[in-house]
PDB file of N, CA and C in Angstrom:
ATOM      1  N   MET A   1     131.050  26.814  12.372  1.00  0.00           N
ATOM      2  CA  MET A   1     130.827  27.550  11.194  1.00  0.00           C
ATOM      3  C   MET A   1     131.248  28.687  11.474  1.00  0.00           C
ATOM      4  N   VAL A   2     130.454  29.919  12.824  1.00  0.00           N
ATOM      5  CA  VAL A   2     131.004  30.585  12.686  1.00  0.00           C
ATOM      6  C   VAL A   2     131.909  31.287  12.784  1.00  0.00           C
ATOM      7  N   ASN A   3     132.892  30.722  12.767  1.00  0.00           N
ATOM      8  CA  ASN A   3     134.787  31.023  12.507  1.00  0.00           C
ATOM      9  C   ASN A   3     134.848  30.770  11.007  1.00  0.00           C
ATOM     10  N   VAL A   4     133.886  29.575  10.545  1.00  0.00           N
ATOM     11  CA  VAL A   4     133.895  29.289   8.670  1.00  0.00           C
ATOM     12  C   VAL A   4     133.723  30.101   7.986  1.00  0.00           C
ATOM     13  N   PHE A   5     132.160  30.862   8.169  1.00  0.00           N
ATOM     14  CA  PHE A   5     131.798  31.840   8.056  1.00  0.00           C
ATOM     15  C   PHE A   5     131.738  33.669   7.965  1.00  0.00           C
ATOM     16  N   SER A   6     132.649  33.843   9.173  1.00  0.00           N
ATOM     17  CA  SER A   6     133.669  34.986   9.293  1.00  0.00           C
ATOM     18  C   SER A   6     134.514  35.156   8.869  1.00  0.00           C
ATOM     19  N   HIS A   7     135.024  34.158   7.885  1.00  0.00           N
ATOM     20  CA  HIS A   7     136.308  34.777   7.019  1.00  0.00           C
ATOM     21  C   HIS A   7     136.064  34.602   5.331  1.00  0.00           C
ATOM     22  N   SER A   8     136.677  35.569   4.847  1.00  0.00           N
ATOM     23  CA  SER A   8     136.497  35.448   3.524  1.00  0.00           C
ATOM     24  C   SER A   8     136.806  33.758   2.998  1.00  0.00           C
ATOM     25  N   THR A   9     137.964  33.706   3.421  1.00  0.00           N
ATOM     26  CA  THR A   9     138.821  32.700   3.111  1.00  0.00           C
ATOM     27  C   THR A   9     139.345  31.667   4.537  1.00  0.00           C
ATOM     28  N   LEU A  10     140.032  30.996   4.261  1.00  0.00           N
ATOM     29  CA  LEU A  10     140.641  29.962   5.561  1.00  0.00           C
ATOM     30  C   LEU A  10     141.784  30.072   5.178  1.00  0.00           C
ATOM     31  N   ALA A  11     142.632  30.945   4.597  1.00  0.00           N
ATOM     32  CA  ALA A  11     144.335  30.334   4.212  1.00  0.00           C
ATOM     33  C   ALA A  11     144.081  31.715   3.556  1.00  0.00           C
ATOM     34  N   PRO A  12     144.263  33.319   4.518  1.00  0.00           N
ATOM     35  CA  PRO A  12     144.370  34.374   3.266  1.00  0.00           C
ATOM     36  C   PRO A  12     146.014  34.085   3.237  1.00  0.00           C
ATOM     37  N   PRO A  13     146.604  35.522   1.731  1.00  0.00           N
ATOM     38  CA  PRO A  13     148.288  35.148   1.709  1.00  0.00           C
ATOM     39  C   PRO A  13     148.966  35.370   3.068  1.00  0.00           C
ATOM     40  N   PRO A  14     149.969  34.933   2.883  1.00  0.00           N
ATOM     41  CA  PRO A  14     150.702  35.269   4.017  1.00  0.00           C
ATOM     42  C   PRO A  14     151.023  36.622   4.304  1.00  0.00           C
ATOM     43  N   SER A  15     151.187  37.314   3.588  1.00  0.00           N
ATOM     44  CA  SER A  15     151.590  38.700   3.411  1.00  0.00           C
ATOM     45  C   SER A  15     150.515  39.544   3.792  1.00  0.00           C
ATOM     46  N   ALA A  16     148.877  38.582   4.505  1.00  0.00           N
ATOM     47  CA  ALA A  16     147.985  39.656   4.145  1.00  0.00           C
ATOM     48  C   ALA A  16     148.307  40.238   6.342  1.00  0.00           C
ATOM     49  N   LEU A  17     148.551  39.264   6.990  1.00  0.00           N
ATOM     50  CA  LEU A  17     148.925  39.713   8.042  1.00  0.00           C
ATOM     51  C   LEU A  17     149.989  39.375   8.542  1.00  0.00           C
ATOM     52  N   GLY A  18     151.213  39.104   8.102  1.00  0.00           N
ATOM     53  CA  GLY A  18     152.049  38.476   8.674  1.00  0.00           C
ATOM     54  C   GLY A  18     152.677  36.762   8.554  1.00  0.00           C
ATOM     55  N   PRO A  19     153.756  36.452   8.885  1.00  0.00           N
ATOM     56  CA  PRO A  19     153.691  35.441   8.800  1.00  0.00           C
ATOM     57  C   PRO A  19     153.672  35.019   9.959  1.00  0.00           C
ATOM     58  N   GLY A  20     152.651  33.542  10.035  1.00  0.00           N
ATOM     59  CA  GLY A  20     152.352  33.105  11.243  1.00  0.00           C
ATOM     60  C   GLY A  20     151.254  33.277  11.946  1.00  0.00           C
ATOM     61  N   THR A  21     150.523  34.042  11.109  1.00  0.00           N
ATOM     62  CA  THR A  21     149.292  34.483  11.339  1.00  0.00           C
ATOM     63  C   THR A  21     148.250  33.622  10.975  1.00  0.00           C
ATOM     64  N   TRP A  22     147.216  33.476  11.739  1.00  0.00           N
ATOM     65  CA  TRP A  22     146.176  31.885  10.873  1.00  0.00           C
ATOM     66  C   TRP A  22     144.598  32.535  11.798  1.00  0.00           C
ATOM     67  N   LEU A  23     143.934  32.936  10.758  1.00  0.00           N
ATOM     68  CA  LEU A  23     143.000  33.707  11.396  1.00  0.00           C
ATOM     69  C   LEU A  23     142.177  32.865  11.979  1.00  0.00           C
ATOM     70  N   LEU A  24     141.647  31.566  10.962  1.00  0.00           N
ATOM     71  CA  LEU A  24     140.820  30.789  11.860  1.00  0.00           C
ATOM     72  C   LEU A  24     141.502  30.161  12.899  1.00  0.00           C
ATOM     73  N   GLY A  25     142.387  29.894  13.147  1.00  0.00           N
ATOM     74  CA  GLY A  25     142.787  29.355  14.150  1.00  0.00           C
ATOM     75  C   GLY A  25     142.755  30.256  15.467  1.00  0.00           C
ATOM     76  N   GLY A  26     143.023  31.894  14.704  1.00  0.00           N
ATOM     77  CA  GLY A  26     142.872  32.549  15.699  1.00  0.00           C
ATOM     78  C   GLY A  26     141.839  32.733  16.682  1.00  0.00           C
ATOM     79  N   SER A  27     140.605  32.571  15.551  1.00  0.00           N
ATOM     80  CA  SER A  27     139.289  32.834  16.127  1.00  0.00           C
ATOM     81  C   SER A  27     138.775  32.003  17.058  1.00  0.00           C
ATOM     82  N   LYS A  28     139.217  30.760  16.622  1.00  0.00           N
ATOM     83  CA  LYS A  28     138.708  29.417  16.969  1.00  0.00           C
ATOM     84  C   LYS A  28     139.435  29.555  18.899  1.00  0.00           C
ATOM     85  N   ALA A  29     140.509  30.034  19.166  1.00  0.00           N
ATOM     86  CA  ALA A  29     141.023  30.245  20.349  1.00  0.00           C
ATOM     87  C   ALA A  29     140.548  31.161  21.234  1.00  0.00           C
ATOM     88  N   LEU A  30     140.013  32.165  20.558  1.00  0.00           N
ATOM     89  CA  LEU A  30     139.468  33.164  20.966  1.00  0.00           C
ATOM     90  C   LEU A  30     137.799  32.825  21.616  1.00  0.00           C
ATOM     91  N   MET A  31     137.322  32.119  20.692  1.00  0.00           N
ATOM     92  CA  MET A  31     136.087  31.797  21.171  1.00  0.00           C
ATOM     93  C   MET A  31     136.184  30.508  22.565  1.00  0.00           C
ATOM     94  N   ARG A  32     136.844  29.713  22.033  1.00  0.00           N
ATOM     95  CA  ARG A  32     137.120  29.029  23.422  1.00  0.00           C
ATOM     96  C   ARG A  32     137.247  29.734  25.024  1.00  0.00           C
ATOM     97  N   ARG A  33     138.283  30.776  24.689  1.00  0.00           N
ATOM     98  CA  ARG A  33     138.598  31.481  25.638  1.00  0.00           C
ATOM     99  C   ARG A  33     136.818  32.116  26.437  1.00  0.00           C
ATOM    100  N   VAL A  34     136.046  32.791  25.387  1.00  0.00           N
ATOM    101  CA  VAL A  34     135.068  33.013  25.582  1.00  0.00           C
ATOM    102  C   VAL A  34     133.836  32.413  26.781  1.00  0.00           C
ATOM    103  N   LEU A  35     134.000  31.292  25.754  1.00  0.00           N
ATOM    104  CA  LEU A  35     132.996  30.272  26.126  1.00  0.00           C
ATOM    105  C   LEU A  35     133.523  29.643  27.577  1.00  0.00           C
ATOM    106  N   ALA A  36     135.009  29.664  27.747  1.00  0.00           N
ATOM    107  CA  ALA A  36     135.536  29.275  29.154  1.00  0.00           C
ATOM    108  C   ALA A  36     134.831  30.295  29.983  1.00  0.00           C
ATOM    109  N   SER A  37     134.958  31.375  29.661  1.00  0.00           N
ATOM    110  CA  SER A  37     135.060  32.057  30.948  1.00  0.00           C
ATOM    111  C   SER A  37     133.995  32.879  31.622  1.00  0.00           C
ATOM    112  N   ASN A  38     133.166  32.125  31.256  1.00  0.00           N
ATOM    113  CA  ASN A  38     131.588  31.853  31.746  1.00  0.00           C
ATOM    114  C   ASN A  38     131.034  30.298  31.541  1.00  0.00           C
ATOM    115  N   PRO A  39     131.595  29.553  32.618  1.00  0.00           N
ATOM    116  CA  PRO A  39     130.734  28.321  32.483  1.00  0.00           C
ATOM    117  C   PRO A  39     129.286  28.065  32.655  1.00  0.00           C
ATOM    118  N   ARG A  40     128.911  28.998  33.671  1.00  0.00           N
ATOM    119  CA  ARG A  40     127.387  28.662  33.665  1.00  0.00           C
ATOM    120  C   ARG A  40     126.350  29.424  32.379  1.00  0.00           C
ATOM    121  N   GLU A  41     127.139  30.037  32.046  1.00  0.00           N
ATOM    122  CA  GLU A  41     126.244  30.622  30.757  1.00  0.00           C
ATOM    123  C   GLU A  41     126.632  31.140  29.694  1.00  0.00           C
ATOM    124  N   ASN A  42     126.451  30.665  28.223  1.00  0.00           N
ATOM    125  CA  ASN A  42     126.888  30.413  26.599  1.00  0.00           C
ATOM    126  C   ASN A  42     127.058  32.065  26.372  1.00  0.00           C
ATOM    127  N   ILE A  43     127.932  32.225  26.997  1.00  0.00           N
ATOM    128  CA  ILE A  43     127.779  34.370  26.477  1.00  0.00           C
ATOM    129  C   ILE A  43     127.926  34.651  25.039  1.00  0.00           C
ATOM    130  N   PHE A  44     127.974  33.470  24.606  1.00  0.00           N
ATOM    131  CA  PHE A  44     128.471  33.142  23.070  1.00  0.00           C
ATOM    132  C   PHE A  44     127.128  33.097  22.204  1.00  0.00           C
ATOM    133  N   ASN A  45     126.515  32.245  22.710  1.00  0.00           N
ATOM    134  CA  ASN A  45     125.186  32.234  21.905  1.00  0.00           C
ATOM    135  C   ASN A  45     124.182  33.502  22.673  1.00  0.00           C
ATOM    136  N   ILE A  46     124.162  33.597  23.817  1.00  0.00           N
ATOM    137  CA  ILE A  46     123.582  34.725  24.422  1.00  0.00           C
ATOM    138  C   ILE A  46     123.589  35.885  23.551  1.00  0.00           C
ATOM    139  N   GLY A  47     125.089  36.446  23.038  1.00  0.00           N
ATOM    140  CA  GLY A  47     124.842  37.597  21.895  1.00  0.00           C
ATOM    141  C   GLY A  47     124.416  37.688  20.859  1.00  0.00           C
ATOM    142  N   PHE A  48     124.879  36.188  20.206  1.00  0.00           N
ATOM    143  CA  PHE A  48     124.237  36.075  19.333  1.00  0.00           C
ATOM    144  C   PHE A  48     123.221  36.022  18.910  1.00  0.00           C
ATOM    145  N   LYS A  49     122.319  35.105  20.294  1.00  0.00           N
ATOM    146  CA  LYS A  49     120.623  35.553  19.637  1.00  0.00           C
ATOM    147  C   LYS A  49     120.066  37.101  20.481  1.00  0.00           C
ATOM    148  N   ALA A  50     120.726  37.524  20.729  1.00  0.00           N
ATOM    149  CA  ALA A  50     120.790  38.967  20.645  1.00  0.00           C
ATOM    150  C   ALA A  50     120.779  40.380  19.909  1.00  0.00           C
ATOM    151  N   CYS A  51     122.040  39.833  18.888  1.00  0.00           N
ATOM    152  CA  CYS A  51     121.925  40.628  18.030  1.00  0.00           C
ATOM    153  C   CYS A  51     121.169  39.999  16.579  1.00  0.00           C
ATOM    154  N   ASP A  52     120.352  38.787  16.829  1.00  0.00           N
ATOM    155  CA  ASP A  52     119.947  38.433  15.768  1.00  0.00           C
ATOM    156  C   ASP A  52     118.065  38.786  16.090  1.00  0.00           C
ATOM    157  N   GLN A  53     118.073  38.663  17.078  1.00  0.00           N
ATOM    158  CA  GLN A  53     116.897  39.527  17.576  1.00  0.00           C
ATOM    159  C   GLN A  53     116.270  41.214  17.538  1.00  0.00           C
ATOM    160  N   TYR A  54     117.791  41.941  17.754  1.00  0.00           N
ATOM    161  CA  TYR A  54     116.864  43.592  16.861  1.00  0.00           C
ATOM    162  C   TYR A  54     116.471  43.615  16.322  1.00  0.00           C
ATOM    163  N   ASP A  55     115.683  44.339  16.755  1.00  0.00           N
ATOM    164  CA  ASP A  55     115.052  44.695  15.671  1.00  0.00           C
ATOM    165  C   ASP A  55     114.927  46.124  15.099  1.00  0.00           C
ATOM    166  N   GLN A  56     115.432  47.200  16.348  1.00  0.00           N
ATOM    167  CA  GLN A  56     115.176  48.940  15.958  1.00  0.00           C
ATOM    168  C   GLN A  56     116.225  49.484  15.386  1.00  0.00           C
ATOM    169  N   GLY A  57     117.237  48.321  14.420  1.00  0.00           N
ATOM    170  CA  GLY A  57     117.902  49.411  14.092  1.00  0.00           C
ATOM    171  C   GLY A  57     117.384  50.676  13.185  1.00  0.00           C
ATOM    172  N   GLU A  58     116.589  50.299  12.531  1.00  0.00           N
ATOM    173  CA  GLU A  58     116.417  50.984  11.112  1.00  0.00           C
ATOM    174  C   GLU A  58     115.261  52.267  11.510  1.00  0.00           C
ATOM    175  N   THR A  59     114.576  52.247  13.159  1.00  0.00           N
ATOM    176  CA  THR A  59     114.283  53.580  13.267  1.00  0.00           C
ATOM    177  C   THR A  59     115.765  54.412  14.444  1.00  0.00           C
ATOM    178  N   ALA A  60     116.746  53.497  15.092  1.00  0.00           N
ATOM    179  CA  ALA A  60     117.856  54.223  15.683  1.00  0.00           C
ATOM    180  C   ALA A  60     118.407  54.985  14.378  1.00  0.00           C
ATOM    181  N   MET A  61     118.429  54.586  13.107  1.00  0.00           N
ATOM    182  CA  MET A  61     119.237  55.395  12.106  1.00  0.00           C
ATOM    183  C   MET A  61     118.864  55.960  11.505  1.00  0.00           C
ATOM    184  N   SER A  62     117.355  56.652  12.161  1.00  0.00           N
ATOM    185  CA  SER A  62     116.411  57.555  11.312  1.00  0.00           C
ATOM    186  C   SER A  62     116.918  59.030  12.300  1.00  0.00           C
ATOM    187  N   GLN A  63     117.221  58.334  13.376  1.00  0.00           N
ATOM    188  CA  GLN A  63     117.632  59.601  14.238  1.00  0.00           C
ATOM    189  C   GLN A  63     118.917  60.444  14.406  1.00  0.00           C
ATOM    190  N   VAL A  64     119.950  59.502  13.430  1.00  0.00           N
ATOM    191  CA  VAL A  64     121.350  59.581  13.255  1.00  0.00           C
ATOM    192  C   VAL A  64     121.468  60.857  12.875  1.00  0.00           C
ATOM    193  N   VAL A  65     121.540  62.256  13.390  1.00  0.00           N
ATOM    194  CA  VAL A  65     122.270  62.982  12.239  1.00  0.00           C
ATOM    195  C   VAL A  65     123.553  63.380  11.858  1.00  0.00           C
ATOM    196  N   CYS A  66     124.035  63.457  12.249  1.00  0.00           N
ATOM    197  CA  CYS A  66     125.349  63.098  11.599  1.00  0.00           C
ATOM    198  C   CYS A  66     125.968  62.181  10.200  1.00  0.00           C
ATOM    199  N   PRO A  67     127.007  62.515   9.542  1.00  0.00           N
ATOM    200  CA  PRO A  67     127.718  61.761   8.233  1.00  0.00           C
ATOM    201  C   PRO A  67     127.742  59.883   9.404  1.00  0.00           C
ATOM    202  N   THR A  68     127.481  59.231   8.698  1.00  0.00           N
ATOM    203  CA  THR A  68     127.266  57.779   8.811  1.00  0.00           C
ATOM    204  C   THR A  68     128.137  57.267   7.568  1.00  0.00           C
ATOM    205  N   LEU A  69     129.229  56.352   8.237  1.00  0.00           N
ATOM    206  CA  LEU A  69     130.139  55.783   7.704  1.00  0.00           C
ATOM    207  C   LEU A  69     129.816  54.355   7.331  1.00  0.00           C
ATOM    208  N   PHE A  70     129.496  53.325   6.422  1.00  0.00           N
ATOM    209  CA  PHE A  70     129.122  51.825   6.106  1.00  0.00           C
ATOM    210  C   PHE A  70     129.625  50.986   5.607  1.00  0.00           C
ATOM    211  N   LEU A  71     130.556  50.592   6.573  1.00  0.00           N
ATOM    212  CA  LEU A  71     131.950  49.913   5.668  1.00  0.00           C
ATOM    213  C   LEU A  71     131.834  48.365   5.404  1.00  0.00           C
ATOM    214  N   LEU A  72     131.506  48.074   4.638  1.00  0.00           N
ATOM    215  CA  LEU A  72     130.854  46.813   3.945  1.00  0.00           C
ATOM    216  C   LEU A  72     131.815  45.511   3.398  1.00  0.00           C
ATOM    217  N   ALA A  73     131.475  44.580   4.096  1.00  0.00           N
ATOM    218  CA  ALA A  73     132.691  43.370   3.337  1.00  0.00           C
ATOM    219  C   ALA A  73     132.266  42.771   2.099  1.00  0.00           C
ATOM    220  N   LYS A  74     132.511  42.814   1.086  1.00  0.00           N
ATOM    221  CA  LYS A  74     132.443  42.027   0.271  1.00  0.00           C
ATOM    222  C   LYS A  74     131.589  40.841   0.337  1.00  0.00           C
ATOM    223  N   LYS A  75     132.870  39.919   0.927  1.00  0.00           N
ATOM    224  CA  LYS A  75     132.531  38.799   1.637  1.00  0.00           C
ATOM    225  C   LYS A  75     132.083  37.889   2.506  1.00  0.00           C
ATOM    226  N   ASP A  76     131.183  39.120   3.127  1.00  0.00           N
ATOM    227  CA  ASP A  76     130.481  38.896   4.657  1.00  0.00           C
ATOM    228  C   ASP A  76     129.338  37.740   4.253  1.00  0.00           C
ATOM    229  N   GLN A  77     129.446  36.829   5.155  1.00  0.00           N
ATOM    230  CA  GLN A  77     128.886  35.902   5.233  1.00  0.00           C
ATOM    231  C   GLN A  77     127.654  35.608   5.980  1.00  0.00           C
ATOM    232  N   MET A  78     127.982  36.291   7.620  1.00  0.00           N
ATOM    233  CA  MET A  78     127.608  36.464   8.343  1.00  0.00           C
ATOM    234  C   MET A  78     126.417  37.865   8.467  1.00  0.00           C
ATOM    235  N   THR A  79     126.654  38.536   8.084  1.00  0.00           N
ATOM    236  CA  THR A  79     126.200  39.543   8.164  1.00  0.00           C
ATOM    237  C   THR A  79     126.088  40.273   6.037  1.00  0.00           C
ATOM    238  N   PRO A  80     125.183  39.310   5.246  1.00  0.00           N
ATOM    239  CA  PRO A  80     125.583  40.122   4.036  1.00  0.00           C
ATOM    240  C   PRO A  80     125.163  41.774   3.946  1.00  0.00           C
ATOM    241  N   PRO A  81     126.238  42.018   2.660  1.00  0.00           N
ATOM    242  CA  PRO A  81     125.783  43.665   2.781  1.00  0.00           C
ATOM    243  C   PRO A  81     124.258  43.715   2.298  1.00  0.00           C
ATOM    244  N   LYS A  82     123.709  43.328   1.703  1.00  0.00           N
ATOM    245  CA  LYS A  82     122.684  43.346   1.519  1.00  0.00           C
ATOM    246  C   LYS A  82     121.652  43.424   2.706  1.00  0.00           C
ATOM    247  N   ALA A  83     122.067  43.492   3.798  1.00  0.00           N
ATOM    248  CA  ALA A  83     121.284  43.515   5.125  1.00  0.00           C
ATOM    249  C   ALA A  83     121.021  45.004   5.514  1.00  0.00           C
ATOM    250  N   ALA A  84     122.511  45.488   5.006  1.00  0.00           N
ATOM    251  CA  ALA A  84     122.432  46.676   5.385  1.00  0.00           C
ATOM    252  C   ALA A  84     121.943  48.322   4.617  1.00  0.00           C
ATOM    253  N   GLN A  85     120.971  47.521   3.250  1.00  0.00           N
ATOM    254  CA  GLN A  85     120.612  48.324   2.368  1.00  0.00           C
ATOM    255  C   GLN A  85     119.056  49.579   3.422  1.00  0.00           C
ATOM    256  N   SER A  86     118.522  48.240   4.012  1.00  0.00           N
ATOM    257  CA  SER A  86     117.815  49.362   4.754  1.00  0.00           C
ATOM    258  C   SER A  86     118.054  50.007   5.832  1.00  0.00           C
ATOM    259  N   LEU A  87     119.491  50.220   6.242  1.00  0.00           N
ATOM    260  CA  LEU A  87     119.716  51.245   7.278  1.00  0.00           C
ATOM    261  C   LEU A  87     120.491  52.059   6.387  1.00  0.00           C
ATOM    262  N   ILE A  88     121.346  52.081   5.497  1.00  0.00           N
ATOM    263  CA  ILE A  88     121.831  52.895   4.501  1.00  0.00           C
ATOM    264  C   ILE A  88     120.563  54.266   4.128  1.00  0.00           C
ATOM    265  N   GLN A  89     119.555  53.322   3.802  1.00  0.00           N
ATOM    266  CA  GLN A  89     118.155  54.544   3.313  1.00  0.00           C
ATOM    267  C   GLN A  89     117.975  54.966   4.283  1.00  0.00           C
ATOM    268  N   LYS A  90     117.832  54.633   5.181  1.00  0.00           N
ATOM    269  CA  LYS A  90     117.447  55.510   6.787  1.00  0.00           C
ATOM    270  C   LYS A  90     118.403  56.563   6.953  1.00  0.00           C
ATOM    271  N   ALA A  91     119.279  56.268   6.635  1.00  0.00           N
ATOM    272  CA  ALA A  91     120.702  57.392   6.855  1.00  0.00           C
ATOM    273  C   ALA A  91     120.402  58.820   6.467  1.00  0.00           C
ATOM    274  N   ARG A  92     120.860  59.970   7.197  1.00  0.00           N
ATOM    275  CA  ARG A  92     120.224  61.146   6.527  1.00  0.00           C
ATOM    276  C   ARG A  92     121.682  61.610   5.523  1.00  0.00           C
ATOM    277  N   ASP A  93     122.680  60.952   6.245  1.00  0.00           N
ATOM    278  CA  ASP A  93     123.946  61.570   5.585  1.00  0.00           C
ATOM    279  C   ASP A  93     124.943  59.839   5.394  1.00  0.00           C
ATOM    280  N   GLY A  94     124.734  59.201   4.365  1.00  0.00           N
ATOM    281  CA  GLY A  94     125.261  57.993   4.495  1.00  0.00           C
ATOM    282  C   GLY A  94     126.139  58.049   3.756  1.00  0.00           C
ATOM    283  N   HIS A  95     127.381  57.319   3.583  1.00  0.00           N
ATOM    284  CA  HIS A  95     128.507  56.882   2.433  1.00  0.00           C
ATOM    285  C   HIS A  95     129.190  55.789   3.172  1.00  0.00           C
ATOM    286  N   VAL A  96     128.870  54.716   2.061  1.00  0.00           N
ATOM    287  CA  VAL A  96     129.158  53.033   1.840  1.00  0.00           C
ATOM    288  C   VAL A  96     130.493  53.517   1.296  1.00  0.00           C
ATOM    289  N   ALA A  97     131.438  52.460   2.181  1.00  0.00           N
ATOM    290  CA  ALA A  97     132.721  51.870   1.249  1.00  0.00           C
ATOM    291  C   ALA A  97     133.294  50.381   1.400  1.00  0.00           C
ATOM    292  N   TRP A  98     133.066  50.127   0.461  1.00  0.00           N
ATOM    293  CA  TRP A  98     133.522  48.397   0.173  1.00  0.00           C
ATOM    294  C   TRP A  98     135.129  47.727   0.656  1.00  0.00           C
ATOM    295  N   VAL A  99     134.963  46.836   1.804  1.00  0.00           N
ATOM    296  CA  VAL A  99     136.690  46.136   1.299  1.00  0.00           C
ATOM    297  C   VAL A  99     136.242  45.130   1.219  1.00  0.00           C
ATOM    298  N   ASN A 100     137.617  44.321   0.892  1.00  0.00           N
ATOM    299  CA  ASN A 100     137.327  43.046   0.183  1.00  0.00           C
ATOM    300  C   ASN A 100     137.628  41.916   1.121  1.00  0.00           C
ATOM    301  N   ALA A 101     136.785  42.006   2.107  1.00  0.00           N
ATOM    302  CA  ALA A 101     136.666  40.796   3.107  1.00  0.00           C
ATOM    303  C   ALA A 101     136.034  40.163   3.874  1.00  0.00           C
ATOM    304  N   GLY A 102     135.730  39.051   4.474  1.00  0.00           N
ATOM    305  CA  GLY A 102     135.015  39.021   5.232  1.00  0.00           C
ATOM    306  C   GLY A 102     134.286  39.440   6.388  1.00  0.00           C
ATOM    307  N   HIS A 103     133.680  38.884   7.412  1.00  0.00           N
ATOM    308  CA  HIS A 103     133.107  39.139   8.641  1.00  0.00           C
ATOM    309  C   HIS A 103     134.014  39.573   9.584  1.00  0.00           C
ATOM    310  N   GLN A 104     135.049  39.477   9.241  1.00  0.00           N
ATOM    311  CA  GLN A 104     136.039  39.953  10.838  1.00  0.00           C
ATOM    312  C   GLN A 104     137.361  40.998  10.068  1.00  0.00           C
ATOM    313  N   ILE A 105     136.464  42.005   9.370  1.00  0.00           N
ATOM    314  CA  ILE A 105     136.731  43.147   7.855  1.00  0.00           C
ATOM    315  C   ILE A 105     137.908  43.562   9.118  1.00  0.00           C
ATOM    316  N   MET A 106     138.169  44.040  10.327  1.00  0.00           N
ATOM    317  CA  MET A 106     139.184  44.691  10.721  1.00  0.00           C
ATOM    318  C   MET A 106     140.238  43.606  10.167  1.00  0.00           C
ATOM    319  N   VAL A 107     140.017  42.408  10.900  1.00  0.00           N
ATOM    320  CA  VAL A 107     141.279  41.696  10.792  1.00  0.00           C
ATOM    321  C   VAL A 107     141.816  41.264   9.555  1.00  0.00           C
ATOM    322  N   GLU A 108     140.669  41.330   8.545  1.00  0.00           N
ATOM    323  CA  GLU A 108     141.233  40.699   7.599  1.00  0.00           C
ATOM    324  C   GLU A 108     141.880  41.709   6.194  1.00  0.00           C
ATOM    325  N   ALA A 109     141.469  42.958   6.630  1.00  0.00           N
ATOM    326  CA  ALA A 109     141.859  43.959   5.741  1.00  0.00           C
ATOM    327  C   ALA A 109     141.796  45.349   7.019  1.00  0.00           C
ATOM    328  N   PRO A 110     143.167  45.378   7.330  1.00  0.00           N
ATOM    329  CA  PRO A 110     143.056  46.557   8.554  1.00  0.00           C
ATOM    330  C   PRO A 110     142.921  48.032   7.120  1.00  0.00           C
ATOM    331  N   GLU A 111     144.327  47.442   6.373  1.00  0.00           N
ATOM    332  CA  GLU A 111     144.771  48.408   5.974  1.00  0.00           C
ATOM    333  C   GLU A 111     143.626  48.917   5.127  1.00  0.00           C
ATOM    334  N   GLU A 112     142.553  48.606   4.501  1.00  0.00           N
ATOM    335  CA  GLU A 112     141.798  48.785   3.461  1.00  0.00           C
ATOM    336  C   GLU A 112     140.097  49.482   4.288  1.00  0.00           C
ATOM    337  N   CYS A 113     140.619  49.033   5.960  1.00  0.00           N
ATOM    338  CA  CYS A 113     139.571  49.636   6.678  1.00  0.00           C
ATOM    339  C   CYS A 113     140.097  51.146   6.989  1.00  0.00           C
ATOM    340  N   LEU A 114     141.463  51.053   7.341  1.00  0.00           N
ATOM    341  CA  LEU A 114     142.338  52.429   7.583  1.00  0.00           C
ATOM    342  C   LEU A 114     141.702  53.094   6.867  1.00  0.00           C
ATOM    343  N   ASP A 115     141.944  52.832   5.133  1.00  0.00           N
ATOM    344  CA  ASP A 115     141.652  53.968   4.307  1.00  0.00           C
ATOM    345  C   ASP A 115     140.381  54.560   4.033  1.00  0.00           C
ATOM    346  N   ALA A 116     139.808  53.733   4.174  1.00  0.00           N
ATOM    347  CA  ALA A 116     138.042  54.040   3.944  1.00  0.00           C
ATOM    348  C   ALA A 116     137.985  54.711   5.388  1.00  0.00           C
ATOM    349  N   MET A 117     137.810  54.565   6.605  1.00  0.00           N
ATOM    350  CA  MET A 117     137.531  55.498   7.739  1.00  0.00           C
ATOM    351  C   MET A 117     138.557  56.955   7.339  1.00  0.00           C
ATOM    352  N   LEU A 118     139.919  56.951   7.061  1.00  0.00           N
ATOM    353  CA  LEU A 118     140.320  58.380   6.375  1.00  0.00           C
ATOM    354  C   LEU A 118     139.802  59.015   5.730  1.00  0.00           C
ATOM    355  N   ALA A 119     139.623  58.532   4.521  1.00  0.00           N
ATOM    356  CA  ALA A 119     138.697  59.214   3.127  1.00  0.00           C
ATOM    357  C   ALA A 119     137.608  59.373   3.853  1.00  0.00           C
ATOM    358  N   PHE A 120     137.050  59.277   4.501  1.00  0.00           N
ATOM    359  CA  PHE A 120     135.238  59.015   5.032  1.00  0.00           C
ATOM    360  C   PHE A 120     135.265  60.465   6.037  1.00  0.00           C
ATOM    361  N   CYS A 121     136.530  60.764   6.592  1.00  0.00           N
ATOM    362  CA  CYS A 121     137.039  61.678   7.899  1.00  0.00           C
ATOM    363  C   CYS A 121     137.425  62.848   7.228  1.00  0.00           C
ATOM    364  N   LYS A 122     137.883  62.880   6.021  1.00  0.00           N
ATOM    365  CA  LYS A 122     138.457  63.780   5.180  1.00  0.00           C
ATOM    366  C   LYS A 122     137.448  64.644   4.735  1.00  0.00           C
ATOM    367  N   LYS A 123     136.341  63.795   4.076  1.00  0.00           N
ATOM    368  CA  LYS A 123     134.939  64.070   3.637  1.00  0.00           C
ATOM    369  C   LYS A 123     134.391  65.103   4.142  1.00  0.00           C
ATOM    370  N   SER A 124     134.101  64.344   5.299  1.00  0.00           N
ATOM    371  CA  SER A 124     133.070  64.681   6.458  1.00  0.00           C
ATOM    372  C   SER A 124     133.503  65.876   7.572  1.00  0.00           C
TER     373      SER A 124
END
């Protein structure tokens, strides 16, 4: 389910990443490799729980003094954009850019991500 929720679509247009790419299949293969890398510990679950239990984001964000880009994916089901609102409010110099993608934002929309980051760097 993580792989399904991590993508905005199961079959993006072929031109999205080029012929022969399959986001869901590639993610499943990567997850299998991660799980096989340590048969004694489920490192995926350990990382997932660590992210879920982390509760110091707002405190940490209030200490950031440089301009900050919040690059948000419109179709993110794993970390919905509304979950970033408290961090955005705590940022001293926060900027928001929206990308039409799911949770795997840089895989689904690499050009949009690059454009947003370049625009942010030119402003800052």
